[in-house]
Amino acid sequence: MPNADQMIARLHTAMDLWETGVALQRQSIRRRNPEASEAQVEALLGRWLQDRPGAEMGDGPRRLDP
């Protein structure tokens, strides 16, 4: 089992990857919508984060209660 320092390092890596992914998606939205204001870009990004394809039920497997 990893020690606390390794677990913290892994968490930091995961958070960095998340931030990078969000920044890349923001850039993609700007390229596809060059006329959009900053507020519109952020709204589109927020919508994408809520409803992105492939993650309709969340990012990981989960048990659905009947």
C-alpha atoms as a PDB file:
ATOM      1  CA  MET A   1       0.000   0.000   0.000  1.00  0.00           C
ATOM      2  CA  PRO A   2       1.346   3.449  -0.847  1.00  0.00           C
ATOM      3  CA  ASN A   3       2.420   5.678   1.993  1.00  0.00           C
ATOM      4  CA  ALA A   4       0.827   9.054   2.712  1.00  0.00           C
ATOM      5  CA  ASP A   5       3.378  11.014   0.669  1.00  0.00           C
ATOM      6  CA  GLN A   6       2.780   8.801  -2.371  1.00  0.00           C
ATOM      7  CA  MET A   7      -0.982   9.154  -2.025  1.00  0.00           C
ATOM      8  CA  ILE A   8      -0.678  12.943  -1.763  1.00  0.00           C
ATOM      9  CA  ALA A   9       1.550  13.016  -4.845  1.00  0.00           C
ATOM     10  CA  ARG A  10      -0.968  10.913  -6.779  1.00  0.00           C
ATOM     11  CA  LEU A  11      -3.808  13.198  -5.742  1.00  0.00           C
ATOM     12  CA  HIS A  12      -1.817  16.250  -6.875  1.00  0.00           C
ATOM     13  CA  THR A  13      -1.131  14.548 -10.207  1.00  0.00           C
ATOM     14  CA  ALA A  14      -4.830  13.762 -10.660  1.00  0.00           C
ATOM     15  CA  MET A  15      -5.795  17.350  -9.839  1.00  0.00           C
ATOM     16  CA  ASP A  16      -3.191  18.700 -12.283  1.00  0.00           C
ATOM     17  CA  LEU A  17      -4.527  16.397 -15.007  1.00  0.00           C
ATOM     18  CA  TRP A  18      -8.084  17.583 -14.309  1.00  0.00           C
ATOM     19  CA  GLU A  19      -7.069  21.239 -14.539  1.00  0.00           C
ATOM     20  CA  THR A  20      -5.175  20.593 -17.773  1.00  0.00           C
ATOM     21  CA  GLY A  21      -8.157  18.788 -19.280  1.00  0.00           C
ATOM     22  CA  VAL A  22     -10.509  21.633 -18.386  1.00  0.00           C
ATOM     23  CA  ALA A  23      -8.080  24.178 -19.857  1.00  0.00           C
ATOM     24  CA  LEU A  24      -7.843  22.160 -23.084  1.00  0.00           C
ATOM     25  CA  GLN A  25     -11.620  21.957 -23.344  1.00  0.00           C
ATOM     26  CA  ARG A  26     -11.893  25.717 -22.738  1.00  0.00           C
ATOM     27  CA  GLN A  27      -9.436  26.308 -25.616  1.00  0.00           C
ATOM     28  CA  SER A  28     -11.421  23.970 -27.841  1.00  0.00           C
ATOM     29  CA  ILE A  29     -14.627  25.863 -27.084  1.00  0.00           C
ATOM     30  CA  ARG A  30     -12.895  29.167 -27.912  1.00  0.00           C
ATOM     31  CA  ARG A  31     -11.638  27.793 -31.240  1.00  0.00           C
ATOM     32  CA  ARG A  32     -15.097  26.518 -32.178  1.00  0.00           C
ATOM     33  CA  ASN A  33     -16.797  29.745 -31.012  1.00  0.00           C
ATOM     34  CA  PRO A  34     -14.411  32.612 -31.789  1.00  0.00           C
ATOM     35  CA  GLU A  35     -17.168  35.221 -31.418  1.00  0.00           C
ATOM     36  CA  ALA A  36     -18.167  34.043 -27.921  1.00  0.00           C
ATOM     37  CA  SER A  37     -17.562  36.282 -24.933  1.00  0.00           C
ATOM     38  CA  GLU A  38     -15.624  35.011 -21.932  1.00  0.00           C
ATOM     39  CA  ALA A  39     -18.913  34.528 -20.058  1.00  0.00           C
ATOM     40  CA  GLN A  40     -20.337  32.510 -22.950  1.00  0.00           C
ATOM     41  CA  VAL A  41     -17.220  30.340 -23.100  1.00  0.00           C
ATOM     42  CA  GLU A  42     -17.476  29.675 -19.370  1.00  0.00           C
ATOM     43  CA  ALA A  43     -21.185  28.831 -19.724  1.00  0.00           C
ATOM     44  CA  LEU A  44     -20.423  26.384 -22.542  1.00  0.00           C
ATOM     45  CA  LEU A  45     -17.625  24.871 -20.478  1.00  0.00           C
ATOM     46  CA  GLY A  46     -19.942  24.476 -17.497  1.00  0.00           C
ATOM     47  CA  ARG A  47     -22.540  22.797 -19.686  1.00  0.00           C
ATOM     48  CA  TRP A  48     -19.891  20.457 -21.097  1.00  0.00           C
ATOM     49  CA  LEU A  49     -18.701  19.559 -17.599  1.00  0.00           C
ATOM     50  CA  GLN A  50     -22.285  18.669 -16.627  1.00  0.00           C
ATOM     51  CA  ASP A  51     -23.256  16.746 -19.751  1.00  0.00           C
ATOM     52  CA  ARG A  52     -20.129  15.603 -21.553  1.00  0.00           C
ATOM     53  CA  PRO A  53     -20.566  12.580 -23.811  1.00  0.00           C
ATOM     54  CA  GLY A  54     -19.700   9.280 -22.213  1.00  0.00           C
ATOM     55  CA  ALA A  55     -20.215  10.467 -18.643  1.00  0.00           C
ATOM     56  CA  GLU A  56     -23.978  10.775 -18.492  1.00  0.00           C
ATOM     57  CA  MET A  57     -24.033   8.686 -15.315  1.00  0.00           C
ATOM     58  CA  GLY A  58     -20.765  10.075 -13.932  1.00  0.00           C
ATOM     59  CA  ASP A  59     -17.146   9.244 -14.606  1.00  0.00           C
ATOM     60  CA  GLY A  60     -16.942   5.894 -12.900  1.00  0.00           C
ATOM     61  CA  PRO A  61     -19.007   2.774 -12.560  1.00  0.00           C
ATOM     62  CA  ARG A  62     -21.556   2.842  -9.838  1.00  0.00           C
ATOM     63  CA  ARG A  63     -24.358   0.715  -8.614  1.00  0.00           C
ATOM     64  CA  LEU A  64     -27.776   1.945  -9.577  1.00  0.00           C
ATOM     65  CA  ASP A  65     -30.376   1.299  -6.906  1.00  0.00           C
ATOM     66  CA  PRO A  66     -33.580  -0.285  -8.207  1.00  0.00           C
END
